[in-house]
PDB file of N, CA and C in Angstrom:
ATOM      1  N   MET A   1       9.708  11.762   6.044  1.00  0.00           N
ATOM      2  CA  MET A   1       9.108  10.917   7.056  1.00  0.00           C
ATOM      3  C   MET A   1       8.974  11.703   8.345  1.00  0.00           C
ATOM      4  N   SER A   2       7.852  11.543   9.005  1.00  0.00           N
ATOM      5  CA  SER A   2       7.687  12.148  10.315  1.00  0.00           C
ATOM      6  C   SER A   2       8.554  11.383  11.314  1.00  0.00           C
ATOM      7  N   ARG A   3       8.678  11.920  12.488  1.00  0.00           N
ATOM      8  CA  ARG A   3       9.521  11.291  13.497  1.00  0.00           C
ATOM      9  C   ARG A   3       9.035   9.862  13.777  1.00  0.00           C
ATOM     10  N   PRO A   4       9.939   8.878  13.680  1.00  0.00           N
ATOM     11  CA  PRO A   4       9.530   7.493  13.943  1.00  0.00           C
ATOM     12  C   PRO A   4       9.251   7.286  15.433  1.00  0.00           C
ATOM     13  N   ILE A   5       8.392   6.348  15.723  1.00  0.00           N
ATOM     14  CA  ILE A   5       8.134   6.007  17.120  1.00  0.00           C
ATOM     15  C   ILE A   5       9.305   5.206  17.677  1.00  0.00           C
ATOM     16  N   VAL A   6       9.820   4.262  16.878  1.00  0.00           N
ATOM     17  CA  VAL A   6      10.899   3.401  17.354  1.00  0.00           C
ATOM     18  C   VAL A   6      12.095   3.460  16.407  1.00  0.00           C
ATOM     19  N   SER A   7      13.263   3.648  16.981  1.00  0.00           N
ATOM     20  CA  SER A   7      14.521   3.516  16.242  1.00  0.00           C
ATOM     21  C   SER A   7      15.102   2.158  16.586  1.00  0.00           C
ATOM     22  N   ILE A   8      15.335   1.341  15.575  1.00  0.00           N
ATOM     23  CA  ILE A   8      15.929   0.030  15.790  1.00  0.00           C
ATOM     24  C   ILE A   8      17.420   0.147  15.489  1.00  0.00           C
ATOM     25  N   VAL A   9      18.230   0.032  16.514  1.00  0.00           N
ATOM     26  CA  VAL A   9      19.677   0.146  16.395  1.00  0.00           C
ATOM     27  C   VAL A   9      20.254  -1.251  16.201  1.00  0.00           C
ATOM     28  N   ILE A  10      20.969  -1.422  15.092  1.00  0.00           N
ATOM     29  CA  ILE A  10      21.560  -2.715  14.755  1.00  0.00           C
ATOM     30  C   ILE A  10      23.066  -2.548  14.581  1.00  0.00           C
ATOM     31  N   PRO A  11      23.859  -2.978  15.555  1.00  0.00           N
ATOM     32  CA  PRO A  11      25.309  -2.988  15.359  1.00  0.00           C
ATOM     33  C   PRO A  11      25.698  -4.239  14.568  1.00  0.00           C
ATOM     34  N   THR A  12      26.683  -4.116  13.693  1.00  0.00           N
ATOM     35  CA  THR A  12      27.095  -5.279  12.910  1.00  0.00           C
ATOM     36  C   THR A  12      28.583  -5.245  12.640  1.00  0.00           C
ATOM     37  N   PHE A  13      29.153  -6.418  12.536  1.00  0.00           N
ATOM     38  CA  PHE A  13      30.561  -6.581  12.166  1.00  0.00           C
ATOM     39  C   PHE A  13      30.702  -7.878  11.384  1.00  0.00           C
ATOM     40  N   ASN A  14      30.955  -7.748  10.094  1.00  0.00           N
ATOM     41  CA  ASN A  14      31.183  -8.897   9.198  1.00  0.00           C
ATOM     42  C   ASN A  14      30.075  -9.945   9.274  1.00  0.00           C
ATOM     43  N   ARG A  15      28.851  -9.509   9.280  1.00  0.00           N
ATOM     44  CA  ARG A  15      27.714 -10.446   9.293  1.00  0.00           C
ATOM     45  C   ARG A  15      26.778 -10.223   8.116  1.00  0.00           C
ATOM     46  N   CYS A  16      27.315  -9.802   7.010  1.00  0.00           N
ATOM     47  CA  CYS A  16      26.489  -9.540   5.833  1.00  0.00           C
ATOM     48  C   CYS A  16      25.634 -10.751   5.481  1.00  0.00           C
ATOM     49  N   HIS A  17      26.168 -11.939   5.660  1.00  0.00           N
ATOM     50  CA  HIS A  17      25.438 -13.165   5.308  1.00  0.00           C
ATOM     51  C   HIS A  17      24.219 -13.394   6.206  1.00  0.00           C
ATOM     52  N   LEU A  18      24.136 -12.728   7.357  1.00  0.00           N
ATOM     53  CA  LEU A  18      22.994 -12.858   8.267  1.00  0.00           C
ATOM     54  C   LEU A  18      22.147 -11.590   8.345  1.00  0.00           C
ATOM     55  N   LEU A  19      22.705 -10.491   7.930  1.00  0.00           N
ATOM     56  CA  LEU A  19      22.085  -9.182   8.130  1.00  0.00           C
ATOM     57  C   LEU A  19      20.760  -9.012   7.393  1.00  0.00           C
ATOM     58  N   THR A  20      20.623  -9.589   6.227  1.00  0.00           N
ATOM     59  CA  THR A  20      19.381  -9.476   5.470  1.00  0.00           C
ATOM     60  C   THR A  20      18.194  -9.978   6.289  1.00  0.00           C
ATOM     61  N   ARG A  21      18.379 -11.094   6.971  1.00  0.00           N
ATOM     62  CA  ARG A  21      17.299 -11.648   7.798  1.00  0.00           C
ATOM     63  C   ARG A  21      16.887 -10.673   8.893  1.00  0.00           C
ATOM     64  N   ALA A  22      17.853 -10.047   9.542  1.00  0.00           N
ATOM     65  CA  ALA A  22      17.552  -9.083  10.601  1.00  0.00           C
ATOM     66  C   ALA A  22      16.817  -7.865  10.028  1.00  0.00           C
ATOM     67  N   LEU A  23      17.321  -7.321   8.939  1.00  0.00           N
ATOM     68  CA  LEU A  23      16.699  -6.130   8.339  1.00  0.00           C
ATOM     69  C   LEU A  23      15.289  -6.432   7.838  1.00  0.00           C
ATOM     70  N   ASP A  24      15.110  -7.564   7.204  1.00  0.00           N
ATOM     71  CA  ASP A  24      13.785  -7.919   6.701  1.00  0.00           C
ATOM     72  C   ASP A  24      12.788  -8.173   7.830  1.00  0.00           C
ATOM     73  N   SER A  25      13.277  -8.626   8.981  1.00  0.00           N
ATOM     74  CA  SER A  25      12.364  -8.826  10.109  1.00  0.00           C
ATOM     75  C   SER A  25      11.825  -7.494  10.630  1.00  0.00           C
ATOM     76  N   VAL A  26      12.592  -6.437  10.481  1.00  0.00           N
ATOM     77  CA  VAL A  26      12.090  -5.099  10.844  1.00  0.00           C
ATOM     78  C   VAL A  26      11.079  -4.643   9.798  1.00  0.00           C
ATOM     79  N   ARG A  27      11.394  -4.860   8.543  1.00  0.00           N
ATOM     80  CA  ARG A  27      10.476  -4.461   7.473  1.00  0.00           C
ATOM     81  C   ARG A  27       9.138  -5.179   7.568  1.00  0.00           C
ATOM     82  N   SER A  28       9.104  -6.343   8.198  1.00  0.00           N
ATOM     83  CA  SER A  28       7.884  -7.150   8.306  1.00  0.00           C
ATOM     84  C   SER A  28       7.069  -6.850   9.561  1.00  0.00           C
ATOM     85  N   GLN A  29       7.413  -5.821  10.288  1.00  0.00           N
ATOM     86  CA  GLN A  29       6.696  -5.513  11.519  1.00  0.00           C
ATOM     87  C   GLN A  29       5.244  -5.125  11.248  1.00  0.00           C
ATOM     88  N   SER A  30       4.373  -5.418  12.214  1.00  0.00           N
ATOM     89  CA  SER A  30       2.948  -5.099  12.087  1.00  0.00           C
ATOM     90  C   SER A  30       2.679  -3.606  12.266  1.00  0.00           C
ATOM     91  N   VAL A  31       3.628  -2.881  12.805  1.00  0.00           N
ATOM     92  CA  VAL A  31       3.533  -1.418  12.876  1.00  0.00           C
ATOM     93  C   VAL A  31       4.597  -0.840  11.946  1.00  0.00           C
ATOM     94  N   SER A  32       4.361   0.353  11.461  1.00  0.00           N
ATOM     95  CA  SER A  32       5.253   0.877  10.425  1.00  0.00           C
ATOM     96  C   SER A  32       6.001   2.153  10.806  1.00  0.00           C
ATOM     97  N   GLN A  33       5.829   2.635  11.992  1.00  0.00           N
ATOM     98  CA  GLN A  33       6.495   3.895  12.360  1.00  0.00           C
ATOM     99  C   GLN A  33       7.828   3.615  13.036  1.00  0.00           C
ATOM    100  N   TRP A  34       8.775   3.138  12.246  1.00  0.00           N
ATOM    101  CA  TRP A  34      10.098   2.786  12.737  1.00  0.00           C
ATOM    102  C   TRP A  34      11.149   3.281  11.763  1.00  0.00           C
ATOM    103  N   GLU A  35      12.373   3.295  12.253  1.00  0.00           N
ATOM    104  CA  GLU A  35      13.537   3.529  11.406  1.00  0.00           C
ATOM    105  C   GLU A  35      14.605   2.525  11.818  1.00  0.00           C
ATOM    106  N   ILE A  36      15.484   2.222  10.897  1.00  0.00           N
ATOM    107  CA  ILE A  36      16.623   1.354  11.175  1.00  0.00           C
ATOM    108  C   ILE A  36      17.874   2.223  11.221  1.00  0.00           C
ATOM    109  N   VAL A  37      18.671   2.042  12.278  1.00  0.00           N
ATOM    110  CA  VAL A  37      19.960   2.714  12.399  1.00  0.00           C
ATOM    111  C   VAL A  37      21.009   1.599  12.427  1.00  0.00           C
ATOM    112  N   LEU A  38      21.648   1.373  11.282  1.00  0.00           N
ATOM    113  CA  LEU A  38      22.631   0.307  11.137  1.00  0.00           C
ATOM    114  C   LEU A  38      24.017   0.885  11.369  1.00  0.00           C
ATOM    115  N   ILE A  39      24.713   0.334  12.358  1.00  0.00           N
ATOM    116  CA  ILE A  39      26.060   0.785  12.670  1.00  0.00           C
ATOM    117  C   ILE A  39      27.037  -0.315  12.272  1.00  0.00           C
ATOM    118  N   ASP A  40      27.836  -0.031  11.268  1.00  0.00           N
ATOM    119  CA  ASP A  40      28.843  -0.968  10.775  1.00  0.00           C
ATOM    120  C   ASP A  40      30.129  -0.732  11.569  1.00  0.00           C
ATOM    121  N   ASP A  41      30.485  -1.707  12.375  1.00  0.00           N
ATOM    122  CA  ASP A  41      31.634  -1.591  13.278  1.00  0.00           C
ATOM    123  C   ASP A  41      32.922  -2.082  12.617  1.00  0.00           C
ATOM    124  N   GLY A  42      33.204  -1.536  11.436  1.00  0.00           N
ATOM    125  CA  GLY A  42      34.464  -1.842  10.762  1.00  0.00           C
ATOM    126  C   GLY A  42      34.453  -3.090   9.904  1.00  0.00           C
ATOM    127  N   SER A  43      33.311  -3.458   9.366  1.00  0.00           N
ATOM    128  CA  SER A  43      33.213  -4.676   8.550  1.00  0.00           C
ATOM    129  C   SER A  43      34.129  -4.625   7.336  1.00  0.00           C
ATOM    130  N   THR A  44      34.637  -5.797   6.964  1.00  0.00           N
ATOM    131  CA  THR A  44      35.462  -5.925   5.764  1.00  0.00           C
ATOM    132  C   THR A  44      34.774  -6.813   4.720  1.00  0.00           C
ATOM    133  N   ASP A  45      33.510  -7.158   4.967  1.00  0.00           N
ATOM    134  CA  ASP A  45      32.743  -7.966   4.015  1.00  0.00           C
ATOM    135  C   ASP A  45      31.887  -7.037   3.151  1.00  0.00           C
ATOM    136  N   SER A  46      30.776  -7.517   2.652  1.00  0.00           N
ATOM    137  CA  SER A  46      29.920  -6.743   1.741  1.00  0.00           C
ATOM    138  C   SER A  46      28.842  -5.928   2.458  1.00  0.00           C
ATOM    139  N   THR A  47      28.998  -5.702   3.733  1.00  0.00           N
ATOM    140  CA  THR A  47      27.997  -4.939   4.487  1.00  0.00           C
ATOM    141  C   THR A  47      27.702  -3.570   3.870  1.00  0.00           C
ATOM    142  N   PRO A  48      28.715  -2.793   3.446  1.00  0.00           N
ATOM    143  CA  PRO A  48      28.388  -1.487   2.840  1.00  0.00           C
ATOM    144  C   PRO A  48      27.509  -1.597   1.589  1.00  0.00           C
ATOM    145  N   LEU A  49      27.735  -2.614   0.769  1.00  0.00           N
ATOM    146  CA  LEU A  49      26.899  -2.809  -0.425  1.00  0.00           C
ATOM    147  C   LEU A  49      25.471  -3.155  -0.048  1.00  0.00           C
ATOM    148  N   LEU A  50      25.313  -4.009   0.947  1.00  0.00           N
ATOM    149  CA  LEU A  50      23.979  -4.366   1.413  1.00  0.00           C
ATOM    150  C   LEU A  50      23.274  -3.139   1.982  1.00  0.00           C
ATOM    151  N   ALA A  51      24.005  -2.323   2.712  1.00  0.00           N
ATOM    152  CA  ALA A  51      23.428  -1.103   3.279  1.00  0.00           C
ATOM    153  C   ALA A  51      22.956  -0.155   2.173  1.00  0.00           C
ATOM    154  N   THR A  52      23.718  -0.055   1.112  1.00  0.00           N
ATOM    155  CA  THR A  52      23.320   0.789  -0.026  1.00  0.00           C
ATOM    156  C   THR A  52      22.008   0.293  -0.623  1.00  0.00           C
ATOM    157  N   HIS A  53      21.871  -1.008  -0.736  1.00  0.00           N
ATOM    158  CA  HIS A  53      20.634  -1.605  -1.261  1.00  0.00           C
ATOM    159  C   HIS A  53      19.437  -1.236  -0.379  1.00  0.00           C
ATOM    160  N   TYR A  54      19.572  -1.389   0.931  1.00  0.00           N
ATOM    161  CA  TYR A  54      18.459  -1.082   1.839  1.00  0.00           C
ATOM    162  C   TYR A  54      18.185   0.418   1.907  1.00  0.00           C
ATOM    163  N   ALA A  55      19.204   1.229   1.752  1.00  0.00           N
ATOM    164  CA  ALA A  55      18.995   2.680   1.732  1.00  0.00           C
ATOM    165  C   ALA A  55      18.115   3.077   0.548  1.00  0.00           C
ATOM    166  N   LYS A  56      18.296   2.420  -0.589  1.00  0.00           N
ATOM    167  CA  LYS A  56      17.465   2.700  -1.761  1.00  0.00           C
ATOM    168  C   LYS A  56      16.023   2.264  -1.521  1.00  0.00           C
ATOM    169  N   ILE A  57      15.848   1.135  -0.867  1.00  0.00           N
ATOM    170  CA  ILE A  57      14.502   0.613  -0.617  1.00  0.00           C
ATOM    171  C   ILE A  57      13.768   1.422   0.449  1.00  0.00           C
ATOM    172  N   LEU A  58      14.459   1.755   1.529  1.00  0.00           N
ATOM    173  CA  LEU A  58      13.800   2.351   2.695  1.00  0.00           C
ATOM    174  C   LEU A  58      13.922   3.864   2.788  1.00  0.00           C
ATOM    175  N   GLY A  59      14.766   4.464   2.016  1.00  0.00           N
ATOM    176  CA  GLY A  59      14.893   5.922   2.026  1.00  0.00           C
ATOM    177  C   GLY A  59      15.275   6.457   3.396  1.00  0.00           C
ATOM    178  N   ASP A  60      14.527   7.468   3.870  1.00  0.00           N
ATOM    179  CA  ASP A  60      14.885   8.118   5.134  1.00  0.00           C
ATOM    180  C   ASP A  60      14.529   7.285   6.362  1.00  0.00           C
ATOM    181  N   ARG A  61      14.003   6.102   6.155  1.00  0.00           N
ATOM    182  CA  ARG A  61      13.731   5.183   7.283  1.00  0.00           C
ATOM    183  C   ARG A  61      14.960   4.333   7.601  1.00  0.00           C
ATOM    184  N   PHE A  62      16.046   4.562   6.868  1.00  0.00           N
ATOM    185  CA  PHE A  62      17.258   3.763   7.029  1.00  0.00           C
ATOM    186  C   PHE A  62      18.465   4.686   7.141  1.00  0.00           C
ATOM    187  N   GLN A  63      19.231   4.481   8.196  1.00  0.00           N
ATOM    188  CA  GLN A  63      20.497   5.188   8.369  1.00  0.00           C
ATOM    189  C   GLN A  63      21.618   4.154   8.415  1.00  0.00           C
ATOM    190  N   TYR A  64      22.720   4.473   7.752  1.00  0.00           N
ATOM    191  CA  TYR A  64      23.907   3.622   7.793  1.00  0.00           C
ATOM    192  C   TYR A  64      25.084   4.468   8.230  1.00  0.00           C
ATOM    193  N   HIS A  65      25.775   3.992   9.241  1.00  0.00           N
ATOM    194  CA  HIS A  65      26.950   4.696   9.746  1.00  0.00           C
ATOM    195  C   HIS A  65      28.090   3.701   9.887  1.00  0.00           C
ATOM    196  N   TYR A  66      29.246   4.052   9.342  1.00  0.00           N
ATOM    197  CA  TYR A  66      30.434   3.220   9.442  1.00  0.00           C
ATOM    198  C   TYR A  66      31.357   3.816  10.487  1.00  0.00           C
ATOM    199  N   GLN A  67      31.953   2.942  11.290  1.00  0.00           N
ATOM    200  CA  GLN A  67      32.969   3.388  12.238  1.00  0.00           C
ATOM    201  C   GLN A  67      34.094   2.366  12.243  1.00  0.00           C
ATOM    202  N   ASP A  68      35.283   2.804  12.614  1.00  0.00           N
ATOM    203  CA  ASP A  68      36.368   1.849  12.819  1.00  0.00           C
ATOM    204  C   ASP A  68      35.972   0.913  13.948  1.00  0.00           C
ATOM    205  N   ASN A  69      36.446  -0.307  13.873  1.00  0.00           N
ATOM    206  CA  ASN A  69      36.066  -1.327  14.843  1.00  0.00           C
ATOM    207  C   ASN A  69      36.339  -0.864  16.274  1.00  0.00           C
ATOM    208  N   ALA A  70      35.260  -0.776  17.052  1.00  0.00           N
ATOM    209  CA  ALA A  70      35.355  -0.335  18.447  1.00  0.00           C
ATOM    210  C   ALA A  70      34.530  -1.221  19.362  1.00  0.00           C
ATOM    211  N   GLY A  71      33.862  -2.226  18.813  1.00  0.00           N
ATOM    212  CA  GLY A  71      33.062  -3.147  19.617  1.00  0.00           C
ATOM    213  C   GLY A  71      31.580  -2.822  19.576  1.00  0.00           C
ATOM    214  N   ALA A  72      30.788  -3.826  19.964  1.00  0.00           N
ATOM    215  CA  ALA A  72      29.332  -3.716  19.888  1.00  0.00           C
ATOM    216  C   ALA A  72      28.779  -2.617  20.796  1.00  0.00           C
ATOM    217  N   CYS A  73      29.347  -2.475  21.986  1.00  0.00           N
ATOM    218  CA  CYS A  73      28.840  -1.440  22.906  1.00  0.00           C
ATOM    219  C   CYS A  73      29.026  -0.046  22.317  1.00  0.00           C
ATOM    220  N   ALA A  74      30.195   0.202  21.762  1.00  0.00           N
ATOM    221  CA  ALA A  74      30.450   1.503  21.133  1.00  0.00           C
ATOM    222  C   ALA A  74      29.512   1.719  19.948  1.00  0.00           C
ATOM    223  N   ALA A  75      29.277   0.670  19.166  1.00  0.00           N
ATOM    224  CA  ALA A  75      28.368   0.779  18.021  1.00  0.00           C
ATOM    225  C   ALA A  75      26.951   1.098  18.484  1.00  0.00           C
ATOM    226  N   ARG A  76      26.497   0.475  19.546  1.00  0.00           N
ATOM    227  CA  ARG A  76      25.163   0.774  20.077  1.00  0.00           C
ATOM    228  C   ARG A  76      25.072   2.239  20.529  1.00  0.00           C
ATOM    229  N   ASN A  77      26.120   2.731  21.168  1.00  0.00           N
ATOM    230  CA  ASN A  77      26.124   4.126  21.609  1.00  0.00           C
ATOM    231  C   ASN A  77      26.052   5.083  20.423  1.00  0.00           C
ATOM    232  N   VAL A  78      26.772   4.779  19.357  1.00  0.00           N
ATOM    233  CA  VAL A  78      26.703   5.602  18.147  1.00  0.00           C
ATOM    234  C   VAL A  78      25.285   5.546  17.579  1.00  0.00           C
ATOM    235  N   GLY A  79      24.702   4.364  17.566  1.00  0.00           N
ATOM    236  CA  GLY A  79      23.332   4.219  17.069  1.00  0.00           C
ATOM    237  C   GLY A  79      22.346   5.037  17.876  1.00  0.00           C
ATOM    238  N   MET A  80      22.481   5.009  19.194  1.00  0.00           N
ATOM    239  CA  MET A  80      21.585   5.810  20.040  1.00  0.00           C
ATOM    240  C   MET A  80      21.753   7.299  19.759  1.00  0.00           C
ATOM    241  N   ALA A  81      22.977   7.732  19.488  1.00  0.00           N
ATOM    242  CA  ALA A  81      23.223   9.150  19.194  1.00  0.00           C
ATOM    243  C   ALA A  81      22.540   9.586  17.897  1.00  0.00           C
ATOM    244  N   HIS A  82      22.381   8.669  16.958  1.00  0.00           N
ATOM    245  CA  HIS A  82      21.757   8.993  15.666  1.00  0.00           C
ATOM    246  C   HIS A  82      20.254   8.710  15.635  1.00  0.00           C
ATOM    247  N   ALA A  83      19.749   8.034  16.634  1.00  0.00           N
ATOM    248  CA  ALA A  83      18.333   7.648  16.655  1.00  0.00           C
ATOM    249  C   ALA A  83      17.431   8.875  16.738  1.00  0.00           C
ATOM    250  N   ARG A  84      16.332   8.833  15.995  1.00  0.00           N
ATOM    251  CA  ARG A  84      15.366   9.932  15.991  1.00  0.00           C
ATOM    252  C   ARG A  84      14.046   9.541  16.630  1.00  0.00           C
ATOM    253  N   GLY A  85      13.899   8.268  16.972  1.00  0.00           N
ATOM    254  CA  GLY A  85      12.639   7.773  17.508  1.00  0.00           C
ATOM    255  C   GLY A  85      12.399   8.156  18.953  1.00  0.00           C
ATOM    256  N   GLU A  86      11.148   8.034  19.339  1.00  0.00           N
ATOM    257  CA  GLU A  86      10.775   8.264  20.730  1.00  0.00           C
ATOM    258  C   GLU A  86      11.320   7.143  21.613  1.00  0.00           C
ATOM    259  N   PHE A  87      11.375   5.930  21.058  1.00  0.00           N
ATOM    260  CA  PHE A  87      11.903   4.763  21.757  1.00  0.00           C
ATOM    261  C   PHE A  87      13.035   4.164  20.948  1.00  0.00           C
ATOM    262  N   ILE A  88      13.889   3.405  21.630  1.00  0.00           N
ATOM    263  CA  ILE A  88      14.987   2.704  20.971  1.00  0.00           C
ATOM    264  C   ILE A  88      14.846   1.221  21.257  1.00  0.00           C
ATOM    265  N   ALA A  89      14.995   0.418  20.207  1.00  0.00           N
ATOM    266  CA  ALA A  89      15.035  -1.035  20.341  1.00  0.00           C
ATOM    267  C   ALA A  89      16.361  -1.502  19.754  1.00  0.00           C
ATOM    268  N   PHE A  90      16.951  -2.490  20.375  1.00  0.00           N
ATOM    269  CA  PHE A  90      18.202  -3.045  19.880  1.00  0.00           C
ATOM    270  C   PHE A  90      17.938  -4.391  19.218  1.00  0.00           C
ATOM    271  N   LEU A  91      18.618  -4.603  18.107  1.00  0.00           N
ATOM    272  CA  LEU A  91      18.518  -5.870  17.388  1.00  0.00           C
ATOM    273  C   LEU A  91      19.920  -6.259  16.954  1.00  0.00           C
ATOM    274  N   ASP A  92      20.383  -7.428  17.380  1.00  0.00           N
ATOM    275  CA  ASP A  92      21.682  -7.912  16.936  1.00  0.00           C
ATOM    276  C   ASP A  92      21.577  -8.344  15.482  1.00  0.00           C
ATOM    277  N   SER A  93      22.664  -8.203  14.759  1.00  0.00           N
ATOM    278  CA  SER A  93      22.636  -8.468  13.322  1.00  0.00           C
ATOM    279  C   SER A  93      22.510  -9.957  12.986  1.00  0.00           C
ATOM    280  N   ASP A  94      22.613 -10.830  13.975  1.00  0.00           N
ATOM    281  CA  ASP A  94      22.409 -12.259  13.733  1.00  0.00           C
ATOM    282  C   ASP A  94      21.095 -12.754  14.332  1.00  0.00           C
ATOM    283  N   ASP A  95      20.187 -11.812  14.583  1.00  0.00           N
ATOM    284  CA  ASP A  95      18.910 -12.141  15.204  1.00  0.00           C
ATOM    285  C   ASP A  95      17.789 -11.571  14.341  1.00  0.00           C
ATOM    286  N   GLU A  96      16.559 -11.783  14.747  1.00  0.00           N
ATOM    287  CA  GLU A  96      15.425 -11.206  14.030  1.00  0.00           C
ATOM    288  C   GLU A  96      14.278 -10.953  14.990  1.00  0.00           C
ATOM    289  N   PHE A  97      13.430 -10.005  14.618  1.00  0.00           N
ATOM    290  CA  PHE A  97      12.223  -9.706  15.376  1.00  0.00           C
ATOM    291  C   PHE A  97      11.081 -10.571  14.856  1.00  0.00           C
ATOM    292  N   LEU A  98      10.232 -11.035  15.764  1.00  0.00           N
ATOM    293  CA  LEU A  98       8.972 -11.633  15.344  1.00  0.00           C
ATOM    294  C   LEU A  98       8.076 -10.503  14.831  1.00  0.00           C
ATOM    295  N   PRO A  99       7.107 -10.799  13.975  1.00  0.00           N
ATOM    296  CA  PRO A  99       6.335  -9.745  13.291  1.00  0.00           C
ATOM    297  C   PRO A  99       5.608  -8.748  14.188  1.00  0.00           C
ATOM    298  N   THR A 100       5.254  -9.119  15.410  1.00  0.00           N
ATOM    299  CA  THR A 100       4.524  -8.189  16.283  1.00  0.00           C
ATOM    300  C   THR A 100       5.393  -7.650  17.425  1.00  0.00           C
ATOM    301  N   LYS A 101       6.695  -7.783  17.320  1.00  0.00           N
ATOM    302  CA  LYS A 101       7.610  -7.333  18.372  1.00  0.00           C
ATOM    303  C   LYS A 101       7.356  -5.878  18.753  1.00  0.00           C
ATOM    304  N   LEU A 102       7.350  -4.987  17.807  1.00  0.00           N
ATOM    305  CA  LEU A 102       7.204  -3.563  18.118  1.00  0.00           C
ATOM    306  C   LEU A 102       5.798  -3.217  18.557  1.00  0.00           C
ATOM    307  N   GLU A 103       4.830  -3.883  18.022  1.00  0.00           N
ATOM    308  CA  GLU A 103       3.441  -3.651  18.422  1.00  0.00           C
ATOM    309  C   GLU A 103       3.238  -3.997  19.892  1.00  0.00           C
ATOM    310  N   ARG A 104       3.798  -5.097  20.312  1.00  0.00           N
ATOM    311  CA  ARG A 104       3.623  -5.546  21.706  1.00  0.00           C
ATOM    312  C   ARG A 104       4.402  -4.659  22.632  1.00  0.00           C
TER     313      ARG A 104
END
């Protein structure tokens, strides 16, 4: 993949039951030059399994990083350090983007 225009940084902690909605809202964007940088802030639920599933689907457009629980701010900072995009967008794991969010 060429360098993405937007890196979407998603910090998460034990929200596997909501995370699919957030990830799918990125996949449904009207523009396609993005990557997802998912930072797992010490989850003890099925988040790693879900991340493995999305890694298979999205390939190099998806990054998953696990860290010991340090809080959302620390997770966002780790995500920014791994981002490859020209721009960074933040998405909470219990939220979703409308389909034209990145286009606008």
